[in-house]
Protein backbone atom coordinates (compact mmCIF):
# COMPACT_ATOMS: atom_id res chain seq x y z
CA UNK A 1 18.47 72.30 -85.50
CA UNK A 2 15.59 70.81 -83.56
CA UNK A 3 13.08 73.41 -82.44
CA UNK A 4 10.50 73.64 -79.68
CA UNK A 5 7.30 75.68 -79.96
CA UNK A 6 6.13 77.18 -76.65
CA UNK A 7 2.51 77.72 -75.60
CA UNK A 8 1.86 79.99 -72.60
CA UNK A 9 -1.46 80.91 -70.95
CA UNK A 10 -1.92 84.67 -70.79
CA UNK A 11 -2.04 86.38 -67.40
CA UNK A 12 -0.87 89.99 -67.66
CA UNK A 13 1.24 91.82 -70.18
CA UNK A 14 4.13 92.18 -67.74
CA UNK A 15 4.17 88.54 -66.59
CA UNK A 16 3.85 87.20 -70.12
CA UNK A 17 6.56 89.56 -71.36
CA UNK A 18 9.05 88.41 -68.74
CA UNK A 19 8.61 84.78 -69.77
CA UNK A 20 8.77 85.63 -73.46
CA UNK A 21 11.99 87.57 -72.95
CA UNK A 22 13.57 84.55 -71.29
CA UNK A 23 12.43 82.14 -73.99
CA UNK A 24 13.62 84.33 -76.86
CA UNK A 25 17.17 84.06 -75.54
CA UNK A 26 17.15 80.34 -76.30
CA UNK A 27 18.28 79.25 -79.76
CA UNK A 28 16.13 76.11 -79.59
CA UNK A 29 12.87 78.06 -79.22
CA UNK A 30 10.75 78.37 -82.35
CA UNK A 31 7.30 79.94 -82.12
CA UNK A 32 6.06 81.49 -78.88
CA UNK A 33 2.28 81.43 -78.68
CA UNK A 34 0.19 83.25 -76.06
CA UNK A 35 -3.06 81.46 -75.24
CA UNK A 36 -5.96 83.64 -74.13
CA UNK A 37 -8.43 86.24 -75.26
CA UNK A 38 -7.54 89.40 -73.35
CA UNK A 39 -3.97 90.09 -74.44
CA UNK A 40 -3.77 93.56 -76.07
CA UNK A 41 -2.81 92.72 -79.64
CA UNK A 42 -0.97 96.02 -80.11
CA UNK A 43 1.45 95.09 -77.30
CA UNK A 44 2.14 91.57 -78.51
CA UNK A 45 5.94 91.15 -78.59
CA UNK A 46 7.51 90.83 -82.00
CA UNK A 47 7.69 87.26 -83.25
CA UNK A 48 4.93 86.03 -80.94
CA UNK A 49 1.54 84.66 -81.93
CA UNK A 50 -1.85 84.90 -80.27
CA UNK A 51 -4.16 81.90 -79.87
CA UNK A 52 -7.68 82.72 -78.69
CA UNK A 53 -8.38 79.75 -76.47
CA UNK A 54 -8.52 78.64 -72.84
CA UNK A 55 -6.35 76.50 -70.57
CA UNK A 56 -4.98 73.14 -71.79
CA UNK A 57 -7.38 71.15 -69.60
CA UNK A 58 -9.85 71.82 -72.41
CA UNK A 59 -9.80 69.53 -75.47
CA UNK A 60 -10.43 72.42 -77.85
CA UNK A 61 -7.32 74.15 -76.50
CA UNK A 62 -5.14 71.07 -76.95
CA UNK A 63 -6.34 70.62 -80.52
CA UNK A 64 -5.57 74.28 -81.24
CA UNK A 65 -2.08 73.83 -79.79
CA UNK A 66 -1.48 70.82 -82.01
CA UNK A 67 -2.74 72.66 -85.07
CA UNK A 68 -0.37 75.55 -84.40
CA UNK A 69 2.72 73.53 -83.48
CA UNK A 70 4.75 72.52 -86.52
CA UNK A 71 7.98 71.98 -84.59
CA UNK A 72 9.26 68.57 -83.53
CA UNK A 73 8.68 69.42 -79.86
CA UNK A 74 5.89 71.28 -78.09
CA UNK A 75 6.20 73.00 -74.71
CA UNK A 76 2.98 73.60 -72.80
CA UNK A 77 3.02 75.73 -69.66
CA UNK A 78 -0.16 75.13 -67.67
CA UNK A 79 -0.20 78.14 -65.32
CA UNK A 80 -0.86 81.77 -66.13
CA UNK A 81 2.14 82.91 -64.10
CA UNK A 82 5.68 83.72 -65.23
CA UNK A 83 8.39 81.10 -65.37
CA UNK A 84 12.12 81.27 -66.01
CA UNK A 85 14.00 78.40 -67.67
CA UNK A 86 17.31 77.43 -66.15
CA UNK A 87 20.56 77.81 -68.06
CA UNK A 88 20.39 75.52 -71.13
CA UNK A 89 17.28 73.91 -69.61
CA UNK A 90 15.33 73.54 -72.84
CA UNK A 91 18.33 71.94 -74.52
CA UNK A 92 18.39 69.45 -71.64
CA UNK A 93 14.73 68.59 -72.26
CA UNK A 94 15.36 68.08 -75.96
CA UNK A 95 18.49 66.02 -75.42
CA UNK A 96 16.63 63.67 -73.06
CA UNK A 97 13.64 63.31 -75.37
CA UNK A 98 15.85 62.82 -78.41
CA UNK A 99 18.09 60.20 -76.82
CA UNK A 100 15.29 58.23 -75.14
CA UNK A 101 12.63 58.72 -77.81
CA UNK A 102 10.19 59.29 -74.93
CA UNK A 103 6.88 61.01 -75.74
CA UNK A 104 6.97 63.58 -72.92
CA UNK A 105 9.33 64.86 -70.24
CA UNK A 106 8.87 66.84 -67.04
CA UNK A 107 11.34 67.98 -64.41
CA UNK A 108 11.77 69.18 -60.86
CA UNK A 109 11.50 72.93 -60.46
CA UNK A 110 11.76 75.88 -58.10
CA UNK A 111 8.92 78.01 -56.77
CA UNK A 112 9.65 81.68 -56.17
CA UNK A 113 7.10 83.61 -54.11
CA UNK A 114 6.25 87.30 -54.17
CA UNK A 115 9.04 87.95 -51.64
CA UNK A 116 11.56 86.35 -54.00
CA UNK A 117 12.08 83.43 -51.66
CA UNK A 118 12.78 80.27 -53.59
CA UNK A 119 11.77 76.72 -52.62
CA UNK A 120 12.75 73.49 -54.32
CA UNK A 121 9.85 71.35 -55.60
CA UNK A 122 11.12 67.82 -56.28
CA UNK A 123 8.73 65.57 -58.19
CA UNK A 124 8.43 61.79 -58.38
CA UNK A 125 8.61 59.26 -61.21
CA UNK A 126 5.23 58.41 -62.67
CA UNK A 127 6.20 54.83 -63.48
CA UNK A 128 5.10 52.81 -66.47
CA UNK A 129 1.53 54.15 -66.28
CA UNK A 130 0.39 56.91 -63.99
CA UNK A 131 -3.16 56.72 -62.68
CA UNK A 132 -4.32 59.44 -60.30
CA UNK A 133 -5.55 62.72 -61.74
CA UNK A 134 -3.67 64.85 -59.20
CA UNK A 135 -0.24 63.51 -60.17
CA UNK A 136 2.14 66.45 -60.08
CA UNK A 137 4.08 66.78 -63.32
CA UNK A 138 4.80 70.42 -62.56
CA UNK A 139 3.44 73.22 -64.74
CA UNK A 140 5.94 72.76 -67.59
CA UNK A 141 5.48 69.82 -69.97
CA UNK A 142 7.55 69.13 -73.08
CA UNK A 143 6.00 66.78 -75.64
CA UNK A 144 7.21 65.10 -78.76
CA UNK A 145 4.64 66.62 -81.11
CA UNK A 146 3.90 63.33 -82.87
CA UNK A 147 3.04 61.72 -79.50
CA UNK A 148 0.68 64.58 -78.73
CA UNK A 149 -0.95 64.13 -82.13
CA UNK A 150 -1.54 60.40 -81.60
CA UNK A 151 -3.07 60.93 -78.16
CA UNK A 152 -5.45 63.63 -79.41
CA UNK A 153 -6.92 61.58 -82.24
CA UNK A 154 -10.65 61.24 -81.67
CA UNK A 155 -10.60 63.16 -78.38
CA UNK A 156 -14.16 64.00 -77.22
CA UNK A 157 -15.25 67.42 -76.05
CA UNK A 158 -13.76 67.82 -72.56
CA UNK A 159 -13.74 70.88 -70.34
CA UNK A 160 -11.52 69.73 -67.47
CA UNK A 161 -9.80 66.42 -68.16
CA UNK A 162 -8.32 66.77 -71.64
CA UNK A 163 -4.72 67.04 -70.48
CA UNK A 164 -5.19 64.23 -67.94
CA UNK A 165 -6.69 61.99 -70.62
CA UNK A 166 -3.91 62.85 -73.06
CA UNK A 167 -1.17 61.96 -70.58
CA UNK A 168 -2.99 58.75 -69.61
CA UNK A 169 -3.23 57.64 -73.22
CA UNK A 170 0.41 58.44 -73.95
CA UNK A 171 1.64 56.60 -70.87
CA UNK A 172 -0.40 53.49 -71.73
CA UNK A 173 2.27 52.50 -74.22
CA UNK A 174 5.31 54.70 -73.58
CA UNK A 175 7.01 55.90 -70.38
CA UNK A 176 6.84 59.57 -69.45
CA UNK A 177 10.31 60.75 -68.46
CA UNK A 178 10.98 62.49 -65.16
CA UNK A 179 14.20 64.50 -65.25
CA UNK A 180 15.28 64.75 -61.58
CA UNK A 181 16.88 68.16 -62.07
CA UNK A 182 15.59 71.64 -61.27
CA UNK A 183 15.24 73.02 -64.79
CA UNK A 184 13.00 76.08 -64.29
CA UNK A 185 11.45 78.43 -61.76
CA UNK A 186 7.75 79.26 -61.49
CA UNK A 187 6.98 82.60 -59.86
CA UNK A 188 4.36 84.59 -58.01
CA UNK A 189 1.78 82.01 -57.09
CA UNK A 190 0.80 80.81 -53.64
CA UNK A 191 1.19 77.06 -53.04
CA UNK A 192 -1.85 75.65 -51.21
CA UNK A 193 -1.11 73.96 -47.92
CA UNK A 194 -0.74 70.18 -48.03
CA UNK A 195 -4.02 69.92 -46.11
CA UNK A 196 -5.94 71.96 -48.70
CA UNK A 197 -4.35 70.07 -51.57
CA UNK A 198 -5.02 66.69 -49.99
CA UNK A 199 -8.77 67.25 -49.79
CA UNK A 200 -9.15 69.26 -52.99
CA UNK A 201 -10.34 66.25 -55.00
CA UNK A 202 -13.35 65.69 -52.72
CA UNK A 203 -14.42 69.33 -52.59
CA UNK A 204 -18.12 69.36 -53.58
CA UNK A 205 -17.42 72.40 -55.76
CA UNK A 206 -15.28 70.16 -57.95
CA UNK A 207 -17.96 67.52 -58.54
CA UNK A 208 -18.38 68.32 -62.25
CA UNK A 209 -14.63 68.08 -62.69
CA UNK A 210 -14.52 64.71 -60.95
CA UNK A 211 -17.27 63.21 -63.10
CA UNK A 212 -15.36 64.11 -66.26
CA UNK A 213 -12.07 62.87 -64.80
CA UNK A 214 -13.74 59.55 -64.03
CA UNK A 215 -14.95 59.14 -67.62
CA UNK A 216 -11.48 59.75 -69.01
CA UNK A 217 -9.90 57.39 -66.49
CA UNK A 218 -12.33 54.52 -67.06
CA UNK A 219 -11.79 54.77 -70.83
CA UNK A 220 -8.06 54.21 -70.33
CA UNK A 221 -8.55 51.60 -67.59
CA UNK A 222 -10.52 49.49 -70.07
CA UNK A 223 -7.76 49.86 -72.66
CA UNK A 224 -5.28 48.72 -70.01
CA UNK A 225 -7.37 45.61 -69.37
CA UNK A 226 -7.80 46.43 -65.67
CA UNK A 227 -11.45 47.54 -65.58
CA UNK A 228 -13.68 45.30 -63.47
CA UNK A 229 -17.34 44.71 -64.26
CA UNK A 230 -19.84 45.14 -61.38
CA UNK A 231 -19.83 41.45 -60.51
CA UNK A 232 -18.92 40.47 -56.96
CA UNK A 233 -18.36 37.42 -54.83
CA UNK A 234 -21.11 36.72 -52.35
CA UNK A 235 -20.25 37.32 -48.70
CA UNK A 236 -21.61 35.12 -45.90
CA UNK A 237 -22.05 37.53 -43.00
CA UNK A 238 -23.02 34.68 -40.66
CA UNK A 239 -19.54 33.16 -40.88
CA UNK A 240 -17.83 32.62 -37.53
CA UNK A 241 -18.91 32.93 -33.93
CA UNK A 242 -18.56 36.26 -32.10
CA UNK A 243 -19.49 37.54 -28.66
CA UNK A 244 -19.87 41.06 -30.06
CA UNK A 245 -21.55 42.20 -33.23
CA UNK A 246 -19.09 45.06 -33.65
CA UNK A 247 -15.77 46.28 -32.30
CA UNK A 248 -14.53 49.82 -32.69
CA UNK A 249 -10.78 49.75 -33.36
CA UNK A 250 -8.59 52.67 -32.24
CA UNK A 251 -4.82 52.43 -32.77
CA UNK A 252 -3.15 55.18 -30.74
CA UNK A 253 0.22 56.54 -29.76
CA UNK A 254 0.64 59.75 -27.76
CA UNK A 255 -2.74 61.38 -28.18
CA UNK A 256 -3.51 62.51 -24.66
CA UNK A 257 -5.28 65.60 -26.04
CA UNK A 258 -7.87 63.63 -28.02
CA UNK A 259 -8.11 60.00 -26.91
CA UNK A 260 -10.68 60.68 -24.18
CA UNK A 261 -13.01 62.38 -26.67
CA UNK A 262 -12.64 59.47 -29.07
CA UNK A 263 -13.40 56.87 -26.37
CA UNK A 264 -16.38 58.80 -25.04
CA UNK A 265 -17.88 59.10 -28.52
CA UNK A 266 -17.79 55.29 -28.76
CA UNK A 267 -19.23 54.59 -25.32
CA UNK A 268 -22.15 56.94 -26.07
CA UNK A 269 -23.27 54.82 -29.02
CA UNK A 270 -26.80 53.42 -28.83
CA UNK A 271 -27.11 50.12 -30.68
CA UNK A 272 -29.43 47.13 -30.91
CA UNK A 273 -26.47 44.78 -30.55
CA UNK A 274 -23.54 44.29 -28.15
CA UNK A 275 -20.31 46.08 -29.06
CA UNK A 276 -16.95 46.77 -27.52
CA UNK A 277 -14.00 49.09 -28.04
CA UNK A 278 -10.49 47.78 -28.68
CA UNK A 279 -7.76 50.37 -28.15
CA UNK A 280 -4.34 49.30 -29.36
CA UNK A 281 -1.98 51.48 -27.33
CA UNK A 282 1.28 51.50 -29.28
CA UNK A 283 3.53 52.23 -26.28
CA UNK A 284 2.41 55.78 -25.58
CA UNK A 285 4.69 57.88 -23.38
CA UNK A 286 2.67 61.08 -22.88
CA UNK A 287 -0.06 59.94 -20.48
CA UNK A 288 -2.35 58.44 -23.12
CA UNK A 289 -2.00 55.00 -21.52
CA UNK A 290 -3.23 56.33 -18.16
CA UNK A 291 -6.30 57.86 -19.79
CA UNK A 292 -7.18 54.56 -21.47
CA UNK A 293 -6.53 52.65 -18.23
CA UNK A 294 -9.03 54.88 -16.40
CA UNK A 295 -11.81 53.06 -18.33
CA UNK A 296 -10.83 49.68 -16.88
CA UNK A 297 -14.13 49.52 -14.99
CA UNK A 298 -16.09 49.47 -18.25
CA UNK A 299 -16.15 45.91 -19.59
CA UNK A 300 -16.66 47.22 -23.12
CA UNK A 301 -13.18 48.75 -23.22
CA UNK A 302 -10.28 46.46 -24.16
CA UNK A 303 -6.87 48.05 -23.63
CA UNK A 304 -4.16 46.26 -25.62
CA UNK A 305 -0.44 47.05 -25.45
CA UNK A 306 1.42 44.91 -27.98
CA UNK A 307 4.61 43.17 -26.91
CA UNK A 308 6.15 44.20 -30.22
CA UNK A 309 7.58 47.69 -30.60
CA UNK A 310 7.82 47.67 -34.41
CA UNK A 311 4.14 48.03 -35.32
CA UNK A 312 2.80 50.83 -37.48
CA UNK A 313 -0.91 51.73 -37.70
CA UNK A 314 -1.66 48.79 -40.01
CA UNK A 315 0.09 46.40 -37.68
CA UNK A 316 -1.89 47.71 -34.71
CA UNK A 317 -5.08 47.11 -36.65
CA UNK A 318 -4.07 43.53 -37.39
CA UNK A 319 -3.19 43.05 -33.72
CA UNK A 320 -6.61 44.27 -32.57
CA UNK A 321 -8.67 42.50 -35.23
CA UNK A 322 -7.03 39.16 -34.41
CA UNK A 323 -7.81 39.48 -30.71
CA UNK A 324 -10.40 36.89 -29.66
CA UNK A 325 -12.65 39.66 -28.33
CA UNK A 326 -12.99 41.38 -31.71
CA UNK A 327 -16.56 41.48 -32.99
CA UNK A 328 -18.08 40.39 -36.28
CA UNK A 329 -17.49 43.84 -37.76
CA UNK A 330 -14.42 45.99 -37.08
CA UNK A 331 -15.19 49.70 -37.31
CA UNK A 332 -12.50 52.38 -37.58
CA UNK A 333 -12.06 55.40 -35.37
CA UNK A 334 -8.84 57.39 -35.40
CA UNK A 335 -7.56 58.61 -32.06
CA UNK A 336 -7.95 62.24 -33.20
CA UNK A 337 -11.56 61.90 -34.29
CA UNK A 338 -15.07 61.30 -32.97
CA UNK A 339 -18.30 59.70 -34.12
CA UNK A 340 -20.83 62.24 -35.31
CA UNK A 341 -23.63 61.19 -32.95
CA UNK A 342 -24.88 58.23 -30.94
CA UNK A 343 -26.32 56.43 -34.01
CA UNK A 344 -23.10 56.18 -36.03
CA UNK A 345 -22.18 52.62 -35.12
CA UNK A 346 -25.71 51.32 -35.65
CA UNK A 347 -25.87 52.92 -39.10
CA UNK A 348 -22.54 51.43 -40.17
CA UNK A 349 -23.38 47.89 -39.07
CA UNK A 350 -26.85 47.95 -40.61
CA UNK A 351 -25.27 48.85 -43.95
CA UNK A 352 -23.50 45.47 -44.10
CA UNK A 353 -26.80 43.61 -44.04
CA UNK A 354 -28.77 46.01 -46.24
CA UNK A 355 -26.09 46.16 -48.95
CA UNK A 356 -24.68 42.62 -48.54
CA UNK A 357 -21.12 43.86 -48.60
CA UNK A 358 -17.73 42.97 -47.12
CA UNK A 359 -16.75 46.53 -46.22
CA UNK A 360 -18.62 49.77 -45.53
CA UNK A 361 -17.37 53.32 -45.92
CA UNK A 362 -19.17 56.26 -44.33
CA UNK A 363 -19.14 60.01 -44.79
CA UNK A 364 -17.55 62.58 -42.54
CA UNK A 365 -17.50 66.22 -41.57
CA UNK A 366 -14.25 68.17 -41.57
CA UNK A 367 -13.92 70.11 -38.30
CA UNK A 368 -11.32 71.93 -36.27
CA UNK A 369 -10.21 70.71 -32.85
CA UNK A 370 -13.36 72.19 -31.28
CA UNK A 371 -15.69 70.45 -33.76
CA UNK A 372 -16.42 73.61 -35.70
CA UNK A 373 -16.96 72.85 -39.38
CA UNK A 374 -14.10 73.81 -41.69
CA UNK A 375 -13.80 73.69 -45.51
CA UNK A 376 -14.57 71.63 -47.50
CA UNK A 377 -17.20 70.53 -44.95
CA UNK A 378 -18.98 67.25 -45.63
CA UNK A 379 -16.94 64.68 -47.57
CA UNK A 380 -19.08 61.85 -48.89
CA UNK A 381 -16.90 60.58 -51.76
CA UNK A 382 -19.81 60.81 -54.16
CA UNK A 383 -17.45 59.77 -56.93
CA UNK A 384 -18.15 56.27 -55.64
CA UNK A 385 -20.86 54.65 -57.76
CA UNK A 386 -22.34 51.18 -57.54
CA UNK A 387 -21.01 50.12 -60.95
CA UNK A 388 -17.67 51.92 -61.09
CA UNK A 389 -16.76 52.67 -57.50
CA UNK A 390 -14.09 50.02 -57.26
CA UNK A 391 -12.59 51.12 -60.59
CA UNK A 392 -12.68 54.80 -59.72
CA UNK A 393 -11.09 54.01 -56.36
CA UNK A 394 -7.81 53.56 -58.23
CA UNK A 395 -7.93 57.16 -59.46
CA UNK A 396 -8.75 59.00 -56.25
CA UNK A 397 -6.62 59.42 -53.16
CA UNK A 398 -8.66 57.78 -50.43
CA UNK A 399 -11.68 55.76 -49.36
CA UNK A 400 -13.43 58.03 -46.90
CA UNK A 401 -14.28 57.46 -43.26
CA UNK A 402 -15.20 55.71 -41.14
CA UNK A 403 -14.23 52.38 -42.64
CA UNK A 404 -15.74 49.16 -41.38
CA UNK A 405 -14.77 45.59 -42.26
CA UNK A 406 -16.23 42.11 -42.02
CA UNK A 407 -13.76 40.68 -39.52
CA UNK A 408 -13.30 37.15 -40.97
CA UNK A 409 -12.35 38.68 -44.33
CA UNK A 410 -10.00 41.24 -42.79
CA UNK A 411 -8.28 38.47 -40.86
CA UNK A 412 -7.55 36.80 -44.20
CA UNK A 413 -6.42 39.84 -46.16
CA UNK A 414 -4.84 41.93 -43.36
CA UNK A 415 -3.65 45.51 -43.60
CA UNK A 416 -0.10 46.31 -44.68
CA UNK A 417 1.95 47.40 -41.67
CA UNK A 418 2.35 51.05 -42.61
CA UNK A 419 1.20 54.29 -41.04
CA UNK A 420 -0.06 55.78 -44.30
CA UNK A 421 -2.33 54.27 -46.93
CA UNK A 422 -2.85 51.01 -45.07
CA UNK A 423 -6.64 51.39 -45.20
CA UNK A 424 -6.54 52.38 -48.88
CA UNK A 425 -4.46 49.30 -49.73
CA UNK A 426 -6.79 46.83 -48.02
CA UNK A 427 -9.81 48.63 -49.48
CA UNK A 428 -8.43 48.14 -52.99
CA UNK A 429 -7.80 44.48 -52.23
CA UNK A 430 -11.31 43.91 -50.92
CA UNK A 431 -12.94 45.81 -53.80
CA UNK A 432 -11.18 43.56 -56.32
CA UNK A 433 -13.54 40.74 -55.35
CA UNK A 434 -16.21 41.99 -52.96
CA UNK A 435 -18.77 44.75 -52.81
CA UNK A 436 -18.00 47.80 -50.71
CA UNK A 437 -21.08 49.46 -49.25
CA UNK A 438 -21.52 53.20 -48.80
CA UNK A 439 -23.17 55.36 -46.16
CA UNK A 440 -23.71 58.89 -47.44
CA UNK A 441 -25.03 60.25 -44.14
CA UNK A 442 -22.43 61.96 -41.95
CA UNK A 443 -21.38 59.51 -39.22
CA UNK A 444 -17.93 60.82 -38.34
CA UNK A 445 -16.13 64.02 -37.35
CA UNK A 446 -12.64 64.30 -38.83
CA UNK A 447 -10.79 66.76 -36.59
CA UNK A 448 -7.90 68.76 -37.98
CA UNK A 449 -5.30 70.14 -35.58
CA UNK A 450 -1.56 70.63 -35.31
CA UNK A 451 -0.61 67.05 -34.44
CA UNK A 452 -2.51 65.30 -37.23
CA UNK A 453 -0.26 62.99 -39.20
CA UNK A 454 -1.37 64.71 -42.42
CA UNK A 455 -1.18 68.28 -41.16
CA UNK A 456 1.13 70.69 -43.04
CA UNK A 457 3.26 68.00 -44.61
CA UNK A 458 6.61 68.78 -46.20
CA UNK A 459 7.05 68.20 -49.93
CA UNK A 460 9.35 65.28 -49.09
CA UNK A 461 6.68 63.59 -46.96
CA UNK A 462 3.99 64.23 -49.58
CA UNK A 463 6.21 62.61 -52.20
CA UNK A 464 6.90 59.64 -49.94
CA UNK A 465 3.18 59.15 -49.32
CA UNK A 466 2.37 59.45 -53.02
CA UNK A 467 5.08 56.98 -53.98
CA UNK A 468 3.58 54.42 -51.64
CA UNK A 469 0.02 54.79 -52.88
CA UNK A 470 1.19 54.84 -56.49
CA UNK A 471 3.02 51.55 -55.86
CA UNK A 472 -0.13 50.07 -54.31
CA UNK A 473 -2.14 51.19 -57.34
CA UNK A 474 0.32 49.60 -59.77
CA UNK A 475 0.24 46.30 -57.93
CA UNK A 476 -3.55 46.35 -57.88
CA UNK A 477 -3.72 47.25 -61.58
CA UNK A 478 -1.54 44.25 -62.40
CA UNK A 479 -3.63 41.98 -60.16
CA UNK A 480 -6.81 43.08 -61.93
CA UNK A 481 -5.27 42.55 -65.36
CA UNK A 482 -4.35 39.01 -64.32
CA UNK A 483 -7.85 38.47 -62.90
CA UNK A 484 -9.44 39.55 -66.18
CA UNK A 485 -7.14 37.27 -68.17
CA UNK A 486 -8.31 34.31 -66.13
């Protein structure tokens, strides 16, 4: 009979014991190994082993797991909380792995909180090669032990990215299998809000983690043939004739609470060049249109209402950028947000000339509705480096803000007509050929409040968003492979 050895991080005696009791009921379970250093040896359940090591994000831990797993399959649980397998769940994992010969499988699961309320956590397929380091495989991973062994050969000393690197290497050549069934329940751990999770990767406290993640990712990106050297096409910033040096672009629909603040933050800008503001009013019905119309006396404000009613945010951007009054540089401002001070626009435009780039990305401050700073504070996307920024952009979940574009180039490439990830998609496209400049000074206030499009998202919406960006990444990976072949 095929067996599976199980490796569980230690939390407390009671939580570990409950998981062990569940696993020992399963005839397919071989060794059960507790990973940690504080488990009282005299209370170790009969038939269990103790492995003095840390969490599986560490390469030393993964090597110890491999050394102690003689079974054909290896289960690694990545959280130090209890879990309960579903009825015949482990047999289901083994049947899928055996029949497909896949190297690893993961499944949907349930989360049970301290009040015993259970929520379904559906996951998404990772595709032929997953990329981002925050891809959610769930906390329970079942490996074919030989696949784990191949991936760990020659692994360097890693403190944070060992598991990420291992999964990347495995998926380079073989698909990781997502079983779309709820095969286990994790218990007694709070799930961070979608807002906290979304910005976790740019938390300055995680900088050391991000640097190591980048190294592991770039190693695999080169093996994939998709890494791009720091060589860029030249950009002629004098191309075209424009009445304005810059245009601030605001797509908006039903933001009567914030649109006035956004407009005022633009009109207060002090620049050495002429600029205007193009507001693409996507058929607002809550009074937003009236607020925009009240600025009709200011010649700098262009109020556009498209004839079409099928435009998303990307489509509104394309509509505004292709207006004859759009300036040489198109600078983003979301209808919820504000520029940091009166110098923001000047700083962004100057960066084009200083850095000779086709696009500029600034840094921003996370605030509440009343502009009070909230965690994680300043987000400067310092993972962006001159040599590897455009490669690392594939791994992370966003570009930063505000984003500014050389208008003639944006008119050629255009944004996809979506209301999520449209800026990320065009940023990837531009970075494939052209340099993207960076401003690390704070030039933008990103306000978080109840009506933000990314506020308290459901798991279904998070999955939908992730599927889209993952698809964009895969297309860009393939485009870069083809570019390198040429």
